[in-house]
N, C-alpha and C. Protein backbone atom coordinates (compact mmCIF):
# COMPACT_ATOMS: atom_id res chain seq x y z
N UNK A 1 0.85 -1.17 0.00
CA UNK A 1 0.00 0.00 0.00
C UNK A 1 0.90 1.24 0.00
N UNK A 2 0.40 2.27 -0.68
CA UNK A 2 1.14 3.52 -0.77
C UNK A 2 0.18 4.69 -0.55
N UNK A 3 0.72 5.82 -0.12
CA UNK A 3 -0.09 7.03 0.01
C UNK A 3 -0.07 7.85 -1.28
N UNK A 4 0.69 7.38 -2.26
CA UNK A 4 0.79 8.11 -3.52
C UNK A 4 -0.55 8.07 -4.26
N UNK A 5 -0.97 9.21 -4.73
CA UNK A 5 -2.22 9.33 -5.47
C UNK A 5 -1.97 8.90 -6.92
N UNK A 6 -2.76 7.97 -7.46
CA UNK A 6 -2.60 7.59 -8.86
C UNK A 6 -2.75 8.83 -9.77
N UNK A 7 -1.97 8.87 -10.82
CA UNK A 7 -1.98 10.04 -11.72
C UNK A 7 -3.37 10.38 -12.22
N UNK A 8 -4.13 9.36 -12.63
CA UNK A 8 -5.46 9.64 -13.18
C UNK A 8 -6.39 10.24 -12.12
N UNK A 9 -6.24 9.85 -10.87
CA UNK A 9 -7.07 10.43 -9.81
C UNK A 9 -6.68 11.89 -9.59
N UNK A 10 -5.38 12.17 -9.57
CA UNK A 10 -4.95 13.56 -9.41
C UNK A 10 -5.41 14.42 -10.59
N UNK A 11 -5.34 13.86 -11.79
CA UNK A 11 -5.82 14.60 -12.97
C UNK A 11 -7.33 14.84 -12.88
N UNK A 12 -8.07 13.84 -12.41
CA UNK A 12 -9.52 13.97 -12.23
C UNK A 12 -9.82 15.12 -11.28
N UNK A 13 -9.11 15.15 -10.14
CA UNK A 13 -9.30 16.20 -9.14
C UNK A 13 -8.92 17.57 -9.71
N UNK A 14 -7.77 17.66 -10.35
CA UNK A 14 -7.31 18.93 -10.92
C UNK A 14 -8.25 19.45 -12.00
N UNK A 15 -8.85 18.54 -12.74
CA UNK A 15 -9.72 18.90 -13.86
C UNK A 15 -11.07 19.47 -13.40
N UNK A 16 -11.46 19.23 -12.15
CA UNK A 16 -12.74 19.71 -11.63
C UNK A 16 -12.88 21.22 -11.86
N UNK A 17 -11.82 21.97 -11.64
CA UNK A 17 -11.91 23.43 -11.76
C UNK A 17 -12.22 23.89 -13.18
N UNK A 18 -12.01 23.03 -14.17
CA UNK A 18 -12.36 23.39 -15.56
C UNK A 18 -13.87 23.40 -15.77
N UNK A 19 -14.59 22.70 -14.92
CA UNK A 19 -16.06 22.56 -14.99
C UNK A 19 -16.52 22.19 -16.41
N UNK A 20 -15.81 21.24 -17.00
CA UNK A 20 -16.11 20.77 -18.36
C UNK A 20 -16.54 19.31 -18.28
N UNK A 21 -17.84 19.02 -18.35
CA UNK A 21 -18.32 17.65 -18.21
C UNK A 21 -17.70 16.67 -19.20
N UNK A 22 -17.49 17.09 -20.44
CA UNK A 22 -16.93 16.18 -21.44
C UNK A 22 -15.51 15.78 -21.07
N UNK A 23 -14.69 16.75 -20.67
CA UNK A 23 -13.30 16.40 -20.31
C UNK A 23 -13.26 15.59 -19.02
N UNK A 24 -14.18 15.85 -18.09
CA UNK A 24 -14.22 15.09 -16.83
C UNK A 24 -14.60 13.64 -17.10
N UNK A 25 -15.47 13.41 -18.04
CA UNK A 25 -15.97 12.07 -18.33
C UNK A 25 -14.93 11.22 -19.06
N UNK A 26 -13.99 11.84 -19.73
CA UNK A 26 -12.97 11.09 -20.49
C UNK A 26 -12.06 10.25 -19.60
N UNK A 27 -12.05 10.50 -18.30
CA UNK A 27 -11.23 9.70 -17.39
C UNK A 27 -11.81 8.31 -17.16
N UNK A 28 -13.08 8.12 -17.50
CA UNK A 28 -13.79 6.88 -17.23
C UNK A 28 -13.74 5.92 -18.43
N UNK A 29 -13.74 4.63 -18.13
CA UNK A 29 -13.87 3.63 -19.20
C UNK A 29 -15.28 3.74 -19.79
N UNK A 30 -15.46 3.17 -20.95
CA UNK A 30 -16.74 3.26 -21.67
C UNK A 30 -17.92 2.80 -20.82
N UNK A 31 -17.75 1.71 -20.07
CA UNK A 31 -18.83 1.13 -19.26
C UNK A 31 -18.59 1.30 -17.77
N UNK A 32 -17.96 2.38 -17.39
CA UNK A 32 -17.64 2.63 -15.98
C UNK A 32 -18.91 2.74 -15.14
N UNK A 33 -18.74 2.49 -13.84
CA UNK A 33 -19.82 2.64 -12.87
C UNK A 33 -19.43 3.76 -11.92
N UNK A 34 -20.35 4.69 -11.70
CA UNK A 34 -20.13 5.80 -10.77
C UNK A 34 -21.23 5.79 -9.74
N UNK A 35 -20.85 5.58 -8.49
CA UNK A 35 -21.76 5.75 -7.36
C UNK A 35 -21.43 7.13 -6.81
N UNK A 36 -22.13 8.12 -7.31
CA UNK A 36 -21.78 9.52 -7.10
C UNK A 36 -22.19 10.05 -5.73
N UNK A 37 -21.55 11.13 -5.33
CA UNK A 37 -21.81 11.76 -4.04
C UNK A 37 -23.26 12.22 -3.92
N UNK A 38 -23.80 12.76 -5.00
CA UNK A 38 -25.14 13.36 -4.94
C UNK A 38 -26.12 12.74 -5.92
N UNK A 39 -25.95 11.45 -6.23
CA UNK A 39 -26.81 10.81 -7.23
C UNK A 39 -26.81 9.30 -7.01
N UNK A 40 -27.74 8.62 -7.66
CA UNK A 40 -27.79 7.16 -7.60
C UNK A 40 -26.74 6.57 -8.54
N UNK A 41 -26.75 5.27 -8.71
CA UNK A 41 -25.76 4.59 -9.54
C UNK A 41 -25.89 5.01 -11.00
N UNK A 42 -24.74 5.31 -11.59
CA UNK A 42 -24.67 5.69 -13.00
C UNK A 42 -23.79 4.69 -13.72
N UNK A 43 -24.23 4.24 -14.90
CA UNK A 43 -23.46 3.25 -15.65
C UNK A 43 -23.19 3.78 -17.05
N UNK A 44 -21.92 3.82 -17.41
CA UNK A 44 -21.51 4.26 -18.74
C UNK A 44 -21.30 5.76 -18.83
N UNK A 45 -20.51 6.14 -19.81
CA UNK A 45 -20.15 7.55 -19.98
C UNK A 45 -21.36 8.45 -20.23
N UNK A 46 -22.37 7.95 -20.93
CA UNK A 46 -23.54 8.79 -21.22
C UNK A 46 -24.23 9.23 -19.93
N UNK A 47 -24.44 8.31 -19.01
CA UNK A 47 -25.06 8.68 -17.73
C UNK A 47 -24.11 9.53 -16.89
N UNK A 48 -22.83 9.20 -16.93
CA UNK A 48 -21.85 9.94 -16.13
C UNK A 48 -21.76 11.39 -16.60
N UNK A 49 -21.74 11.63 -17.91
CA UNK A 49 -21.66 13.01 -18.39
C UNK A 49 -22.90 13.80 -18.00
N UNK A 50 -24.06 13.15 -17.96
CA UNK A 50 -25.28 13.83 -17.50
C UNK A 50 -25.13 14.29 -16.06
N UNK A 51 -24.59 13.43 -15.23
CA UNK A 51 -24.35 13.80 -13.83
C UNK A 51 -23.33 14.93 -13.73
N UNK A 52 -22.26 14.82 -14.51
CA UNK A 52 -21.20 15.83 -14.45
C UNK A 52 -21.71 17.21 -14.86
N UNK A 53 -22.65 17.26 -15.79
CA UNK A 53 -23.21 18.55 -16.20
C UNK A 53 -23.81 19.28 -15.00
N UNK A 54 -24.54 18.55 -14.19
CA UNK A 54 -25.16 19.15 -13.01
C UNK A 54 -24.15 19.37 -11.89
N UNK A 55 -23.33 18.37 -11.64
CA UNK A 55 -22.35 18.44 -10.54
C UNK A 55 -21.37 19.60 -10.74
N UNK A 56 -20.90 19.79 -11.96
CA UNK A 56 -19.88 20.81 -12.21
C UNK A 56 -20.47 22.20 -12.45
N UNK A 57 -21.78 22.32 -12.44
CA UNK A 57 -22.44 23.60 -12.68
C UNK A 57 -22.53 24.41 -11.39
N UNK A 58 -21.37 24.63 -10.79
CA UNK A 58 -21.30 25.40 -9.55
C UNK A 58 -20.22 26.47 -9.73
N UNK A 59 -20.44 27.60 -9.15
CA UNK A 59 -19.50 28.71 -9.27
C UNK A 59 -18.22 28.41 -8.47
N UNK A 60 -17.09 28.65 -9.09
CA UNK A 60 -15.77 28.48 -8.46
C UNK A 60 -15.53 27.06 -7.92
N UNK A 61 -16.01 26.07 -8.63
CA UNK A 61 -15.87 24.67 -8.21
C UNK A 61 -14.41 24.26 -8.21
N UNK A 62 -13.98 23.67 -7.10
CA UNK A 62 -12.61 23.17 -6.96
C UNK A 62 -12.65 21.89 -6.13
N UNK A 63 -11.57 21.12 -6.25
CA UNK A 63 -11.45 19.90 -5.44
C UNK A 63 -9.99 19.75 -5.03
N UNK A 64 -9.79 19.07 -3.91
CA UNK A 64 -8.42 18.74 -3.49
C UNK A 64 -8.47 17.46 -2.66
N UNK A 65 -7.41 16.71 -2.76
CA UNK A 65 -7.30 15.46 -2.01
C UNK A 65 -6.76 15.77 -0.62
N UNK A 66 -7.43 15.23 0.38
CA UNK A 66 -7.00 15.42 1.76
C UNK A 66 -6.16 14.24 2.25
N UNK A 67 -6.52 13.04 1.80
CA UNK A 67 -5.86 11.82 2.26
C UNK A 67 -6.08 10.73 1.23
N UNK A 68 -5.07 9.90 0.99
CA UNK A 68 -5.19 8.84 -0.01
C UNK A 68 -4.37 7.63 0.39
N UNK A 69 -4.91 6.46 0.10
CA UNK A 69 -4.21 5.18 0.24
C UNK A 69 -4.51 4.36 -1.00
N UNK A 70 -3.47 3.86 -1.63
CA UNK A 70 -3.64 3.12 -2.88
C UNK A 70 -3.06 1.72 -2.76
N UNK A 71 -3.83 0.75 -3.22
CA UNK A 71 -3.36 -0.63 -3.34
C UNK A 71 -3.18 -0.91 -4.83
N UNK A 72 -2.13 -1.64 -5.17
CA UNK A 72 -1.81 -1.91 -6.56
C UNK A 72 -1.73 -3.41 -6.79
N UNK A 73 -2.41 -3.88 -7.83
CA UNK A 73 -2.32 -5.27 -8.28
C UNK A 73 -1.61 -5.24 -9.64
N UNK A 74 -0.32 -5.46 -9.61
CA UNK A 74 0.48 -5.37 -10.83
C UNK A 74 0.11 -6.43 -11.86
N UNK A 75 -0.31 -7.61 -11.40
CA UNK A 75 -0.68 -8.69 -12.33
C UNK A 75 -1.88 -8.31 -13.19
N UNK A 76 -2.79 -7.52 -12.64
CA UNK A 76 -4.01 -7.16 -13.37
C UNK A 76 -4.01 -5.70 -13.80
N UNK A 77 -2.87 -5.01 -13.64
CA UNK A 77 -2.76 -3.60 -14.01
C UNK A 77 -3.90 -2.79 -13.40
N UNK A 78 -4.15 -3.02 -12.10
CA UNK A 78 -5.27 -2.39 -11.41
C UNK A 78 -4.78 -1.66 -10.16
N UNK A 79 -5.34 -0.48 -9.95
CA UNK A 79 -5.07 0.31 -8.75
C UNK A 79 -6.41 0.62 -8.08
N UNK A 80 -6.40 0.58 -6.76
CA UNK A 80 -7.59 0.94 -5.99
C UNK A 80 -7.16 2.05 -5.03
N UNK A 81 -7.71 3.24 -5.26
CA UNK A 81 -7.37 4.39 -4.44
C UNK A 81 -8.56 4.72 -3.53
N UNK A 82 -8.28 4.87 -2.25
CA UNK A 82 -9.29 5.21 -1.26
C UNK A 82 -8.83 6.44 -0.50
N UNK A 83 -9.75 7.31 -0.17
CA UNK A 83 -9.34 8.48 0.60
C UNK A 83 -10.45 9.47 0.79
N UNK A 84 -10.02 10.69 1.09
CA UNK A 84 -10.93 11.81 1.31
C UNK A 84 -10.56 12.94 0.38
N UNK A 85 -11.59 13.59 -0.19
CA UNK A 85 -11.35 14.81 -0.94
C UNK A 85 -12.35 15.86 -0.49
N UNK A 86 -12.01 17.11 -0.81
CA UNK A 86 -12.86 18.23 -0.43
C UNK A 86 -13.24 19.00 -1.69
N UNK A 87 -14.53 19.27 -1.83
CA UNK A 87 -15.03 20.10 -2.91
C UNK A 87 -15.40 21.46 -2.31
N UNK A 88 -15.01 22.52 -2.98
CA UNK A 88 -15.43 23.86 -2.56
C UNK A 88 -16.05 24.56 -3.76
N UNK A 89 -17.06 25.35 -3.48
CA UNK A 89 -17.74 26.13 -4.51
C UNK A 89 -18.48 27.27 -3.84
N UNK A 90 -18.92 28.24 -4.64
CA UNK A 90 -19.64 29.39 -4.14
C UNK A 90 -21.13 29.22 -4.45
N UNK A 91 -21.94 29.43 -3.42
CA UNK A 91 -23.39 29.35 -3.57
C UNK A 91 -24.01 30.52 -2.82
N UNK A 92 -24.79 31.32 -3.52
CA UNK A 92 -25.42 32.51 -2.92
C UNK A 92 -24.39 33.41 -2.23
N UNK A 93 -23.22 33.53 -2.86
CA UNK A 93 -22.17 34.40 -2.34
C UNK A 93 -21.36 33.83 -1.20
N UNK A 94 -21.66 32.62 -0.77
CA UNK A 94 -20.92 32.00 0.34
C UNK A 94 -20.17 30.77 -0.13
N UNK A 95 -18.98 30.57 0.42
CA UNK A 95 -18.17 29.40 0.08
C UNK A 95 -18.73 28.18 0.80
N UNK A 96 -18.99 27.14 0.03
CA UNK A 96 -19.47 25.87 0.57
C UNK A 96 -18.35 24.85 0.49
N UNK A 97 -18.23 24.01 1.51
CA UNK A 97 -17.22 22.95 1.53
C UNK A 97 -17.92 21.63 1.81
N UNK A 98 -17.57 20.63 1.00
CA UNK A 98 -18.10 19.29 1.19
C UNK A 98 -16.91 18.33 1.22
N UNK A 99 -16.75 17.62 2.32
CA UNK A 99 -15.72 16.59 2.41
C UNK A 99 -16.39 15.26 2.10
N UNK A 100 -15.80 14.53 1.18
CA UNK A 100 -16.36 13.24 0.78
C UNK A 100 -15.27 12.18 0.79
N UNK A 101 -15.68 10.95 0.99
CA UNK A 101 -14.74 9.84 0.90
C UNK A 101 -14.89 9.23 -0.49
N UNK A 102 -13.84 8.59 -0.96
CA UNK A 102 -13.87 8.06 -2.32
C UNK A 102 -13.16 6.72 -2.41
N UNK A 103 -13.56 5.99 -3.43
CA UNK A 103 -12.83 4.82 -3.92
C UNK A 103 -12.83 4.91 -5.44
N UNK A 104 -11.65 4.87 -6.01
CA UNK A 104 -11.49 4.79 -7.46
C UNK A 104 -10.86 3.44 -7.77
N UNK A 105 -11.42 2.71 -8.71
CA UNK A 105 -10.80 1.49 -9.22
C UNK A 105 -10.35 1.81 -10.64
N UNK A 106 -9.05 1.66 -10.86
CA UNK A 106 -8.44 2.05 -12.13
C UNK A 106 -7.85 0.81 -12.78
N UNK A 107 -8.17 0.62 -14.05
CA UNK A 107 -7.63 -0.49 -14.81
C UNK A 107 -7.20 0.01 -16.17
N UNK A 108 -5.98 -0.32 -16.53
CA UNK A 108 -5.42 0.10 -17.82
C UNK A 108 -5.56 1.60 -18.07
N UNK A 109 -5.33 2.38 -17.00
CA UNK A 109 -5.30 3.83 -17.14
C UNK A 109 -6.64 4.53 -17.19
N UNK A 110 -7.73 3.81 -16.93
CA UNK A 110 -9.07 4.41 -16.92
C UNK A 110 -9.78 4.08 -15.61
N UNK A 111 -10.67 4.96 -15.19
CA UNK A 111 -11.50 4.70 -14.02
C UNK A 111 -12.60 3.74 -14.46
N UNK A 112 -12.66 2.56 -13.81
CA UNK A 112 -13.71 1.61 -14.16
C UNK A 112 -14.84 1.64 -13.12
N UNK A 113 -14.54 2.05 -11.91
CA UNK A 113 -15.55 2.20 -10.87
C UNK A 113 -15.12 3.34 -9.94
N UNK A 114 -16.08 4.15 -9.57
CA UNK A 114 -15.83 5.20 -8.58
C UNK A 114 -17.01 5.24 -7.62
N UNK A 115 -16.69 5.31 -6.35
CA UNK A 115 -17.71 5.52 -5.32
C UNK A 115 -17.32 6.77 -4.54
N UNK A 116 -18.29 7.62 -4.30
CA UNK A 116 -18.05 8.84 -3.55
C UNK A 116 -19.25 9.10 -2.66
N UNK A 117 -19.00 9.42 -1.40
CA UNK A 117 -20.11 9.74 -0.49
C UNK A 117 -19.64 10.77 0.51
N UNK A 118 -20.60 11.57 0.96
CA UNK A 118 -20.28 12.61 1.94
C UNK A 118 -19.71 11.93 3.17
N UNK A 119 -18.62 12.49 3.68
CA UNK A 119 -17.96 11.94 4.86
C UNK A 119 -18.80 12.24 6.10
N UNK A 120 -19.09 11.22 6.91
CA UNK A 120 -19.84 11.48 8.14
C UNK A 120 -19.02 12.39 9.07
N UNK A 121 -19.68 13.31 9.71
CA UNK A 121 -18.96 14.24 10.58
C UNK A 121 -18.78 13.69 11.96
């Protein structure tokens, strides 16, 4: 296990500030599964891009990783990253912060499964 953040996860987080659903969705495999922070289960890029349109439609949207642990299966070219990230955005003139926990399953350089849920306080 390592605390190093997989490149694709860091790129996913960094890309949030672009608020571009199409570019955000390109990180996922064609038939990826997303258990999103604010939505039910989404399967495939078409459903994921629909979610991203709404999710990224926030003023000054940003994300950052707070904590990460990654397990690597070299035989299957698979990485599983677990951790916490924080989303910040402006709503009605006030900065909102949401801390969420995540799991990304990455295979052959693409996100094949992602789970994200609000972190219990």
